[in-house]
PDB file of N, CA and C in Angstrom:
ATOM      1  N   MET A   1     -31.392 -52.107 -18.980  1.00  0.00           N
ATOM      2  CA  MET A   1     -31.444 -50.444 -19.189  1.00  0.00           C
ATOM      3  C   MET A   1     -30.860 -50.433 -20.043  1.00  0.00           C
ATOM      4  N   GLU A   2     -31.860 -49.200 -20.745  1.00  0.00           N
ATOM      5  CA  GLU A   2     -31.708 -48.134 -21.685  1.00  0.00           C
ATOM      6  C   GLU A   2     -30.481 -47.383 -21.748  1.00  0.00           C
ATOM      7  N   ASP A   3     -29.604 -47.333 -23.353  1.00  0.00           N
ATOM      8  CA  ASP A   3     -28.824 -46.150 -23.451  1.00  0.00           C
ATOM      9  C   ASP A   3     -29.606 -45.501 -23.699  1.00  0.00           C
ATOM     10  N   PRO A   4     -28.680 -43.811 -23.029  1.00  0.00           N
ATOM     11  CA  PRO A   4     -29.222 -42.857 -23.057  1.00  0.00           C
ATOM     12  C   PRO A   4     -29.671 -42.613 -24.627  1.00  0.00           C
ATOM     13  N   ASP A   5     -30.553 -41.335 -25.065  1.00  0.00           N
ATOM     14  CA  ASP A   5     -30.519 -40.690 -25.797  1.00  0.00           C
ATOM     15  C   ASP A   5     -29.916 -40.224 -25.989  1.00  0.00           C
ATOM     16  N   GLU A   6     -29.550 -39.422 -27.458  1.00  0.00           N
ATOM     17  CA  GLU A   6     -28.816 -38.058 -28.122  1.00  0.00           C
ATOM     18  C   GLU A   6     -28.517 -36.590 -26.924  1.00  0.00           C
ATOM     19  N   LYS A   7     -30.512 -36.349 -26.661  1.00  0.00           N
ATOM     20  CA  LYS A   7     -30.893 -35.146 -26.030  1.00  0.00           C
ATOM     21  C   LYS A   7     -30.676 -35.561 -24.684  1.00  0.00           C
ATOM     22  N   SER A   8     -30.453 -36.917 -24.334  1.00  0.00           N
ATOM     23  CA  SER A   8     -29.919 -36.918 -22.683  1.00  0.00           C
ATOM     24  C   SER A   8     -28.748 -36.889 -22.499  1.00  0.00           C
ATOM     25  N   ILE A   9     -27.669 -36.746 -23.816  1.00  0.00           N
ATOM     26  CA  ILE A   9     -26.354 -36.672 -23.118  1.00  0.00           C
ATOM     27  C   ILE A   9     -25.729 -35.308 -23.479  1.00  0.00           C
ATOM     28  N   ILE A  10     -26.428 -34.910 -24.738  1.00  0.00           N
ATOM     29  CA  ILE A  10     -26.101 -33.139 -24.972  1.00  0.00           C
ATOM     30  C   ILE A  10     -26.571 -32.064 -23.675  1.00  0.00           C
ATOM     31  N   THR A  11     -27.615 -32.634 -22.851  1.00  0.00           N
ATOM     32  CA  THR A  11     -28.276 -32.109 -21.608  1.00  0.00           C
ATOM     33  C   THR A  11     -27.057 -32.350 -20.398  1.00  0.00           C
ATOM     34  N   TYR A  12     -26.532 -33.738 -20.695  1.00  0.00           N
ATOM     35  CA  TYR A  12     -25.748 -33.773 -19.191  1.00  0.00           C
ATOM     36  C   TYR A  12     -24.256 -32.941 -19.730  1.00  0.00           C
ATOM     37  N   VAL A  13     -23.512 -32.554 -21.120  1.00  0.00           N
ATOM     38  CA  VAL A  13     -22.779 -32.654 -21.519  1.00  0.00           C
ATOM     39  C   VAL A  13     -22.516 -31.111 -21.540  1.00  0.00           C
ATOM     40  N   VAL A  14     -23.830 -30.439 -21.675  1.00  0.00           N
ATOM     41  CA  VAL A  14     -23.846 -28.313 -21.474  1.00  0.00           C
ATOM     42  C   VAL A  14     -23.706 -28.508 -20.072  1.00  0.00           C
ATOM     43  N   SER A  15     -24.452 -29.367 -19.413  1.00  0.00           N
ATOM     44  CA  SER A  15     -24.470 -29.098 -17.669  1.00  0.00           C
ATOM     45  C   SER A  15     -22.974 -29.045 -16.977  1.00  0.00           C
ATOM     46  N   PHE A  16     -22.206 -29.962 -17.088  1.00  0.00           N
ATOM     47  CA  PHE A  16     -21.096 -30.347 -16.865  1.00  0.00           C
ATOM     48  C   PHE A  16     -20.278 -28.709 -17.830  1.00  0.00           C
ATOM     49  N   TYR A  17     -20.211 -28.521 -18.618  1.00  0.00           N
ATOM     50  CA  TYR A  17     -20.013 -27.522 -19.632  1.00  0.00           C
ATOM     51  C   TYR A  17     -20.075 -26.100 -18.475  1.00  0.00           C
ATOM     52  N   HIS A  18     -21.437 -25.925 -18.144  1.00  0.00           N
ATOM     53  CA  HIS A  18     -21.592 -24.711 -17.678  1.00  0.00           C
ATOM     54  C   HIS A  18     -20.960 -24.467 -16.037  1.00  0.00           C
ATOM     55  N   TYR A  19     -21.490 -26.189 -15.102  1.00  0.00           N
ATOM     56  CA  TYR A  19     -20.624 -25.830 -13.638  1.00  0.00           C
ATOM     57  C   TYR A  19     -19.342 -25.847 -14.095  1.00  0.00           C
ATOM     58  N   PHE A  20     -18.298 -26.776 -14.944  1.00  0.00           N
ATOM     59  CA  PHE A  20     -17.187 -26.146 -15.197  1.00  0.00           C
ATOM     60  C   PHE A  20     -16.795 -24.694 -15.182  1.00  0.00           C
ATOM     61  N   SER A  21     -17.286 -24.172 -16.602  1.00  0.00           N
ATOM     62  CA  SER A  21     -16.906 -22.648 -16.766  1.00  0.00           C
ATOM     63  C   SER A  21     -16.972 -21.613 -16.134  1.00  0.00           C
ATOM     64  N   LYS A  22     -18.260 -21.836 -14.788  1.00  0.00           N
ATOM     65  CA  LYS A  22     -18.197 -21.332 -13.759  1.00  0.00           C
ATOM     66  C   LYS A  22     -17.185 -21.255 -12.834  1.00  0.00           C
ATOM     67  N   MET A  23     -16.604 -22.605 -12.742  1.00  0.00           N
ATOM     68  CA  MET A  23     -15.724 -22.797 -11.246  1.00  0.00           C
ATOM     69  C   MET A  23     -13.994 -22.134 -12.205  1.00  0.00           C
ATOM     70  N   LYS A  24     -14.421 -22.390 -13.433  1.00  0.00           N
ATOM     71  CA  LYS A  24     -13.129 -21.419 -13.790  1.00  0.00           C
ATOM     72  C   LYS A  24     -12.972 -19.754 -13.952  1.00  0.00           C
ATOM     73  N   ALA A  25     -14.166 -19.390 -14.161  1.00  0.00           N
ATOM     74  CA  ALA A  25     -14.430 -18.061 -14.208  1.00  0.00           C
ATOM     75  C   ALA A  25     -13.999 -17.804 -12.417  1.00  0.00           C
ATOM     76  N   LEU A  26     -14.796 -18.063 -11.018  1.00  0.00           N
ATOM     77  CA  LEU A  26     -14.291 -18.308  -9.903  1.00  0.00           C
ATOM     78  C   LEU A  26     -13.149 -17.792  -9.957  1.00  0.00           C
ATOM     79  N   ALA A  27     -12.275 -19.022 -10.409  1.00  0.00           N
ATOM     80  CA  ALA A  27     -10.634 -19.391 -10.050  1.00  0.00           C
ATOM     81  C   ALA A  27     -10.107 -17.753 -10.825  1.00  0.00           C
ATOM     82  N   VAL A  28     -10.733 -17.509 -11.919  1.00  0.00           N
ATOM     83  CA  VAL A  28      -9.684 -16.377 -12.576  1.00  0.00           C
ATOM     84  C   VAL A  28     -10.411 -14.963 -11.608  1.00  0.00           C
ATOM     85  N   GLU A  29     -11.301 -14.807 -10.851  1.00  0.00           N
ATOM     86  CA  GLU A  29     -11.812 -13.663 -10.046  1.00  0.00           C
ATOM     87  C   GLU A  29     -11.126 -13.882  -8.950  1.00  0.00           C
ATOM     88  N   GLY A  30     -11.231 -14.873  -8.300  1.00  0.00           N
ATOM     89  CA  GLY A  30     -10.048 -15.203  -7.256  1.00  0.00           C
ATOM     90  C   GLY A  30      -8.862 -14.165  -7.471  1.00  0.00           C
ATOM     91  N   LYS A  31      -7.997 -15.085  -8.559  1.00  0.00           N
ATOM     92  CA  LYS A  31      -6.945 -14.437  -8.603  1.00  0.00           C
ATOM     93  C   LYS A  31      -6.850 -12.709  -8.862  1.00  0.00           C
ATOM     94  N   ARG A  32      -7.698 -12.424  -9.802  1.00  0.00           N
ATOM     95  CA  ARG A  32      -7.718 -10.555 -10.117  1.00  0.00           C
ATOM     96  C   ARG A  32      -7.273 -10.502  -8.773  1.00  0.00           C
ATOM     97  N   ILE A  33      -8.099 -10.576  -7.864  1.00  0.00           N
ATOM     98  CA  ILE A  33      -8.553 -10.149  -6.353  1.00  0.00           C
ATOM     99  C   ILE A  33      -7.112 -10.075  -5.377  1.00  0.00           C
ATOM    100  N   GLY A  34      -6.656 -11.373  -5.589  1.00  0.00           N
ATOM    101  CA  GLY A  34      -5.062 -11.568  -4.459  1.00  0.00           C
ATOM    102  C   GLY A  34      -4.325 -10.829  -5.127  1.00  0.00           C
ATOM    103  N   LYS A  35      -4.299 -10.730  -6.822  1.00  0.00           N
ATOM    104  CA  LYS A  35      -3.588  -9.443  -7.003  1.00  0.00           C
ATOM    105  C   LYS A  35      -3.737  -7.758  -6.752  1.00  0.00           C
ATOM    106  N   VAL A  36      -5.088  -7.428  -6.681  1.00  0.00           N
ATOM    107  CA  VAL A  36      -5.656  -6.078  -6.070  1.00  0.00           C
ATOM    108  C   VAL A  36      -5.075  -6.389  -4.608  1.00  0.00           C
ATOM    109  N   LEU A  37      -5.416  -7.169  -3.801  1.00  0.00           N
ATOM    110  CA  LEU A  37      -5.043  -7.187  -2.509  1.00  0.00           C
ATOM    111  C   LEU A  37      -3.383  -7.404  -2.551  1.00  0.00           C
ATOM    112  N   ASP A  38      -2.640  -7.909  -2.813  1.00  0.00           N
ATOM    113  CA  ASP A  38      -1.398  -7.810  -3.154  1.00  0.00           C
ATOM    114  C   ASP A  38      -0.191  -6.151  -3.444  1.00  0.00           C
ATOM    115  N   GLN A  39      -1.105  -5.673  -4.506  1.00  0.00           N
ATOM    116  CA  GLN A  39      -0.668  -4.237  -4.415  1.00  0.00           C
ATOM    117  C   GLN A  39      -1.167  -3.293  -3.395  1.00  0.00           C
ATOM    118  N   VAL A  40      -2.317  -3.285  -2.994  1.00  0.00           N
ATOM    119  CA  VAL A  40      -2.588  -2.647  -1.908  1.00  0.00           C
ATOM    120  C   VAL A  40      -1.463  -2.879  -0.761  1.00  0.00           C
ATOM    121  N   MET A  41      -1.181  -3.918  -0.332  1.00  0.00           N
ATOM    122  CA  MET A  41      -0.308  -4.578   1.059  1.00  0.00           C
ATOM    123  C   MET A  41       1.043  -3.861   0.192  1.00  0.00           C
ATOM    124  N   GLU A  42       1.078  -3.897  -0.930  1.00  0.00           N
ATOM    125  CA  GLU A  42       2.233  -3.017  -1.296  1.00  0.00           C
ATOM    126  C   GLU A  42       2.809  -1.280  -1.350  1.00  0.00           C
ATOM    127  N   ILE A  43       1.321  -1.000  -1.430  1.00  0.00           N
ATOM    128  CA  ILE A  43       1.580   0.581  -1.763  1.00  0.00           C
ATOM    129  C   ILE A  43       1.289   1.141  -0.082  1.00  0.00           C
ATOM    130  N   GLY A  44       0.541   0.151   0.825  1.00  0.00           N
ATOM    131  CA  GLY A  44       0.831  -0.012   2.397  1.00  0.00           C
ATOM    132  C   GLY A  44       1.963   0.218   2.486  1.00  0.00           C
ATOM    133  N   ALA A  45       3.220  -0.691   2.691  1.00  0.00           N
ATOM    134  CA  ALA A  45       4.433  -0.905   2.718  1.00  0.00           C
ATOM    135  C   ALA A  45       5.094   0.354   2.177  1.00  0.00           C
ATOM    136  N   ILE A  46       4.640   0.961   0.794  1.00  0.00           N
ATOM    137  CA  ILE A  46       5.800   1.998   0.132  1.00  0.00           C
ATOM    138  C   ILE A  46       5.114   3.456   0.889  1.00  0.00           C
ATOM    139  N   THR A  47       3.786   3.458   1.204  1.00  0.00           N
ATOM    140  CA  THR A  47       3.364   4.695   1.982  1.00  0.00           C
ATOM    141  C   THR A  47       3.731   4.584   3.380  1.00  0.00           C
ATOM    142  N   ALA A  48       3.809   3.579   4.302  1.00  0.00           N
ATOM    143  CA  ALA A  48       4.496   3.665   5.833  1.00  0.00           C
ATOM    144  C   ALA A  48       6.051   4.173   5.458  1.00  0.00           C
ATOM    145  N   ARG A  49       7.183   3.064   4.522  1.00  0.00           N
ATOM    146  CA  ARG A  49       8.364   3.981   4.128  1.00  0.00           C
ATOM    147  C   ARG A  49       8.176   5.202   4.185  1.00  0.00           C
ATOM    148  N   TYR A  50       7.384   5.667   3.152  1.00  0.00           N
ATOM    149  CA  TYR A  50       7.663   7.099   2.978  1.00  0.00           C
ATOM    150  C   TYR A  50       7.381   8.038   4.224  1.00  0.00           C
ATOM    151  N   GLU A  51       6.376   7.693   4.497  1.00  0.00           N
ATOM    152  CA  GLU A  51       5.883   8.798   6.265  1.00  0.00           C
ATOM    153  C   GLU A  51       7.337   8.771   7.228  1.00  0.00           C
ATOM    154  N   ALA A  52       7.884   7.544   7.421  1.00  0.00           N
ATOM    155  CA  ALA A  52       9.050   7.223   8.345  1.00  0.00           C
ATOM    156  C   ALA A  52       9.969   7.766   7.719  1.00  0.00           C
ATOM    157  N   LEU A  53      10.619   7.961   6.596  1.00  0.00           N
ATOM    158  CA  LEU A  53      11.523   8.661   5.567  1.00  0.00           C
ATOM    159  C   LEU A  53      11.175  10.553   5.529  1.00  0.00           C
ATOM    160  N   ALA A  54      10.013  10.431   5.635  1.00  0.00           N
ATOM    161  CA  ALA A  54       9.628  12.282   5.767  1.00  0.00           C
ATOM    162  C   ALA A  54       9.614  12.516   7.104  1.00  0.00           C
ATOM    163  N   ALA A  55       9.642  11.506   8.166  1.00  0.00           N
ATOM    164  CA  ALA A  55       9.552  11.799   9.565  1.00  0.00           C
ATOM    165  C   ALA A  55      10.826  11.751  10.024  1.00  0.00           C
ATOM    166  N   GLU A  56      11.840  11.221   9.356  1.00  0.00           N
ATOM    167  CA  GLU A  56      13.460  11.510   9.838  1.00  0.00           C
ATOM    168  C   GLU A  56      13.737  12.997   9.043  1.00  0.00           C
ATOM    169  N   LEU A  57      13.521  13.077   7.837  1.00  0.00           N
ATOM    170  CA  LEU A  57      13.727  14.665   7.159  1.00  0.00           C
ATOM    171  C   LEU A  57      13.550  15.553   8.130  1.00  0.00           C
ATOM    172  N   LEU A  58      11.386  15.513   8.523  1.00  0.00           N
ATOM    173  CA  LEU A  58      11.617  16.950   9.215  1.00  0.00           C
ATOM    174  C   LEU A  58      12.300  16.799  10.921  1.00  0.00           C
ATOM    175  N   ALA A  59      12.713  15.606  11.128  1.00  0.00           N
ATOM    176  CA  ALA A  59      13.531  15.768  12.980  1.00  0.00           C
ATOM    177  C   ALA A  59      15.246  16.228  12.224  1.00  0.00           C
ATOM    178  N   TRP A  60      15.255  16.148  11.472  1.00  0.00           N
ATOM    179  CA  TRP A  60      16.635  15.970  10.679  1.00  0.00           C
ATOM    180  C   TRP A  60      16.739  18.076  10.549  1.00  0.00           C
ATOM    181  N   ILE A  61      15.914  18.210   9.862  1.00  0.00           N
ATOM    182  CA  ILE A  61      15.682  19.699   9.422  1.00  0.00           C
ATOM    183  C   ILE A  61      15.556  20.759  10.794  1.00  0.00           C
ATOM    184  N   HIS A  62      14.896  20.154  11.511  1.00  0.00           N
ATOM    185  CA  HIS A  62      14.234  20.617  12.938  1.00  0.00           C
ATOM    186  C   HIS A  62      15.722  20.740  13.296  1.00  0.00           C
ATOM    187  N   HIS A  63      16.307  19.860  13.699  1.00  0.00           N
ATOM    188  CA  HIS A  63      17.804  19.738  14.304  1.00  0.00           C
ATOM    189  C   HIS A  63      18.593  20.563  13.690  1.00  0.00           C
ATOM    190  N   THR A  64      18.533  20.759  12.691  1.00  0.00           N
ATOM    191  CA  THR A  64      19.591  21.780  11.611  1.00  0.00           C
ATOM    192  C   THR A  64      19.663  22.718  11.845  1.00  0.00           C
ATOM    193  N   ILE A  65      18.261  23.151  11.850  1.00  0.00           N
ATOM    194  CA  ILE A  65      17.857  24.690  11.905  1.00  0.00           C
ATOM    195  C   ILE A  65      18.506  25.290  13.786  1.00  0.00           C
ATOM    196  N   THR A  66      18.331  24.112  13.958  1.00  0.00           N
ATOM    197  CA  THR A  66      18.419  24.671  15.609  1.00  0.00           C
ATOM    198  C   THR A  66      20.324  24.753  15.873  1.00  0.00           C
ATOM    199  N   ILE A  67      20.819  23.603  15.219  1.00  0.00           N
ATOM    200  CA  ILE A  67      22.207  23.849  15.411  1.00  0.00           C
ATOM    201  C   ILE A  67      22.314  24.961  14.581  1.00  0.00           C
ATOM    202  N   ILE A  68      22.146  25.696  13.580  1.00  0.00           N
ATOM    203  CA  ILE A  68      22.417  26.850  12.581  1.00  0.00           C
ATOM    204  C   ILE A  68      21.383  27.809  13.462  1.00  0.00           C
ATOM    205  N   THR A  69      21.290  28.257  14.047  1.00  0.00           N
ATOM    206  CA  THR A  69      20.555  29.565  14.803  1.00  0.00           C
ATOM    207  C   THR A  69      21.235  29.698  15.992  1.00  0.00           C
ATOM    208  N   ASN A  70      21.810  28.399  16.949  1.00  0.00           N
ATOM    209  CA  ASN A  70      22.607  28.830  18.090  1.00  0.00           C
ATOM    210  C   ASN A  70      24.250  28.989  17.404  1.00  0.00           C
ATOM    211  N   GLN A  71      24.471  28.923  16.414  1.00  0.00           N
ATOM    212  CA  GLN A  71      25.978  29.499  15.732  1.00  0.00           C
ATOM    213  C   GLN A  71      26.808  30.287  16.221  1.00  0.00           C
ATOM    214  N   LYS A  72      27.984  30.057  16.986  1.00  0.00           N
ATOM    215  CA  LYS A  72      28.626  31.622  17.090  1.00  0.00           C
ATOM    216  C   LYS A  72      29.553  31.509  15.833  1.00  0.00           C
ATOM    217  N   PHE A  73      29.928  32.813  14.947  1.00  0.00           N
ATOM    218  CA  PHE A  73      30.697  32.797  14.213  1.00  0.00           C
ATOM    219  C   PHE A  73      32.515  33.387  15.322  1.00  0.00           C
ATOM    220  N   ALA A  74      33.131  32.541  14.560  1.00  0.00           N
ATOM    221  CA  ALA A  74      35.102  32.867  14.769  1.00  0.00           C
ATOM    222  C   ALA A  74      35.452  34.209  14.807  1.00  0.00           C
ATOM    223  N   ASN A  75      35.998  34.620  15.741  1.00  0.00           N
ATOM    224  CA  ASN A  75      36.543  35.558  15.292  1.00  0.00           C
ATOM    225  C   ASN A  75      38.289  35.866  15.063  1.00  0.00           C
ATOM    226  N   SER A  76      38.285  34.854  14.511  1.00  0.00           N
ATOM    227  CA  SER A  76      39.980  34.860  14.278  1.00  0.00           C
ATOM    228  C   SER A  76      40.030  33.840  12.639  1.00  0.00           C
ATOM    229  N   LEU A  77      40.854  34.056  11.816  1.00  0.00           N
ATOM    230  CA  LEU A  77      41.019  33.659  10.661  1.00  0.00           C
ATOM    231  C   LEU A  77      40.701  31.797  10.438  1.00  0.00           C
ATOM    232  N   SER A  78      41.886  31.473  11.505  1.00  0.00           N
ATOM    233  CA  SER A  78      41.792  30.178  11.833  1.00  0.00           C
ATOM    234  C   SER A  78      40.270  29.651  12.121  1.00  0.00           C
ATOM    235  N   GLY A  79      39.502  29.901  12.928  1.00  0.00           N
ATOM    236  CA  GLY A  79      38.136  29.568  13.476  1.00  0.00           C
ATOM    237  C   GLY A  79      37.064  29.770  12.009  1.00  0.00           C
ATOM    238  N   VAL A  80      37.499  31.071  11.495  1.00  0.00           N
ATOM    239  CA  VAL A  80      36.320  31.076  10.001  1.00  0.00           C
ATOM    240  C   VAL A  80      36.993  29.489   9.263  1.00  0.00           C
ATOM    241  N   GLN A  81      38.170  29.853   8.996  1.00  0.00           N
ATOM    242  CA  GLN A  81      38.399  28.769   8.177  1.00  0.00           C
ATOM    243  C   GLN A  81      37.747  27.461   8.851  1.00  0.00           C
ATOM    244  N   GLN A  82      37.825  26.860   9.700  1.00  0.00           N
ATOM    245  CA  GLN A  82      37.710  25.615  10.479  1.00  0.00           C
ATOM    246  C   GLN A  82      35.844  25.498  10.013  1.00  0.00           C
ATOM    247  N   GLN A  83      35.196  26.671  10.380  1.00  0.00           N
ATOM    248  CA  GLN A  83      34.022  26.680   9.705  1.00  0.00           C
ATOM    249  C   GLN A  83      33.292  26.320   8.497  1.00  0.00           C
ATOM    250  N   LEU A  84      34.145  26.978   7.902  1.00  0.00           N
ATOM    251  CA  LEU A  84      34.277  27.599   6.191  1.00  0.00           C
ATOM    252  C   LEU A  84      34.481  25.166   6.125  1.00  0.00           C
ATOM    253  N   GLN A  85      34.954  24.845   6.563  1.00  0.00           N
ATOM    254  CA  GLN A  85      35.484  23.674   6.085  1.00  0.00           C
ATOM    255  C   GLN A  85      34.164  23.129   6.674  1.00  0.00           C
ATOM    256  N   ALA A  86      33.801  23.226   7.373  1.00  0.00           N
ATOM    257  CA  ALA A  86      32.611  22.389   8.176  1.00  0.00           C
ATOM    258  C   ALA A  86      31.258  22.492   7.619  1.00  0.00           C
ATOM    259  N   PHE A  87      31.368  23.595   7.318  1.00  0.00           N
ATOM    260  CA  PHE A  87      30.272  24.280   5.979  1.00  0.00           C
ATOM    261  C   PHE A  87      30.297  23.546   4.711  1.00  0.00           C
ATOM    262  N   THR A  88      31.689  23.425   4.122  1.00  0.00           N
ATOM    263  CA  THR A  88      31.742  22.397   2.802  1.00  0.00           C
ATOM    264  C   THR A  88      31.144  21.505   3.147  1.00  0.00           C
ATOM    265  N   ALA A  89      31.515  20.597   4.383  1.00  0.00           N
ATOM    266  CA  ALA A  89      31.947  19.054   4.315  1.00  0.00           C
ATOM    267  C   ALA A  89      30.085  18.962   4.575  1.00  0.00           C
ATOM    268  N   PHE A  90      29.313  19.589   5.284  1.00  0.00           N
ATOM    269  CA  PHE A  90      28.056  19.464   5.469  1.00  0.00           C
ATOM    270  C   PHE A  90      27.506  19.776   4.117  1.00  0.00           C
ATOM    271  N   CYS A  91      27.611  20.801   2.748  1.00  0.00           N
ATOM    272  CA  CYS A  91      27.209  20.862   1.809  1.00  0.00           C
ATOM    273  C   CYS A  91      27.423  19.422   0.969  1.00  0.00           C
ATOM    274  N   THR A  92      28.850  19.097   1.184  1.00  0.00           N
ATOM    275  CA  THR A  92      28.724  18.209   0.005  1.00  0.00           C
ATOM    276  C   THR A  92      28.454  16.444   0.769  1.00  0.00           C
ATOM    277  N   LEU A  93      28.296  16.413   1.724  1.00  0.00           N
ATOM    278  CA  LEU A  93      28.287  15.108   2.659  1.00  0.00           C
ATOM    279  C   LEU A  93      27.459  14.621   3.532  1.00  0.00           C
ATOM    280  N   GLU A  94      26.496  16.011   3.945  1.00  0.00           N
ATOM    281  CA  GLU A  94      25.367  15.352   4.621  1.00  0.00           C
ATOM    282  C   GLU A  94      24.059  16.331   4.225  1.00  0.00           C
ATOM    283  N   LYS A  95      24.162  17.117   3.796  1.00  0.00           N
ATOM    284  CA  LYS A  95      22.883  17.886   2.582  1.00  0.00           C
ATOM    285  C   LYS A  95      22.661  16.614   1.760  1.00  0.00           C
ATOM    286  N   PRO A  96      23.077  16.454   0.712  1.00  0.00           N
ATOM    287  CA  PRO A  96      22.579  15.495  -0.712  1.00  0.00           C
ATOM    288  C   PRO A  96      22.007  14.415   0.233  1.00  0.00           C
ATOM    289  N   VAL A  97      22.541  13.749   1.103  1.00  0.00           N
ATOM    290  CA  VAL A  97      22.294  12.665   1.393  1.00  0.00           C
ATOM    291  C   VAL A  97      20.536  12.899   1.616  1.00  0.00           C
ATOM    292  N   LYS A  98      20.058  13.854   2.811  1.00  0.00           N
ATOM    293  CA  LYS A  98      18.794  14.179   3.035  1.00  0.00           C
ATOM    294  C   LYS A  98      17.919  14.432   1.437  1.00  0.00           C
TER     295      LYS A  98
END
């Protein structure tokens, strides 16, 4: 059996180089696609969380409007003071959280 000549060896080496460089390029493309899909999933989760928080806030707003609309004001000093304390507690505790 004869040893291959230099041109044949170079042809084989170039063929292997091109084959393996394509595999590396495909792996890089796969990683990039994976990163994009991870970001899409993360954005979807953030969007779902935002929508849930917005729906919760809207429900709280409607509930609070109903309470304020139906509120009757007290006709005594102690009643007004209690309502003022309740309003102050609302403004400092409940409202800022929302």
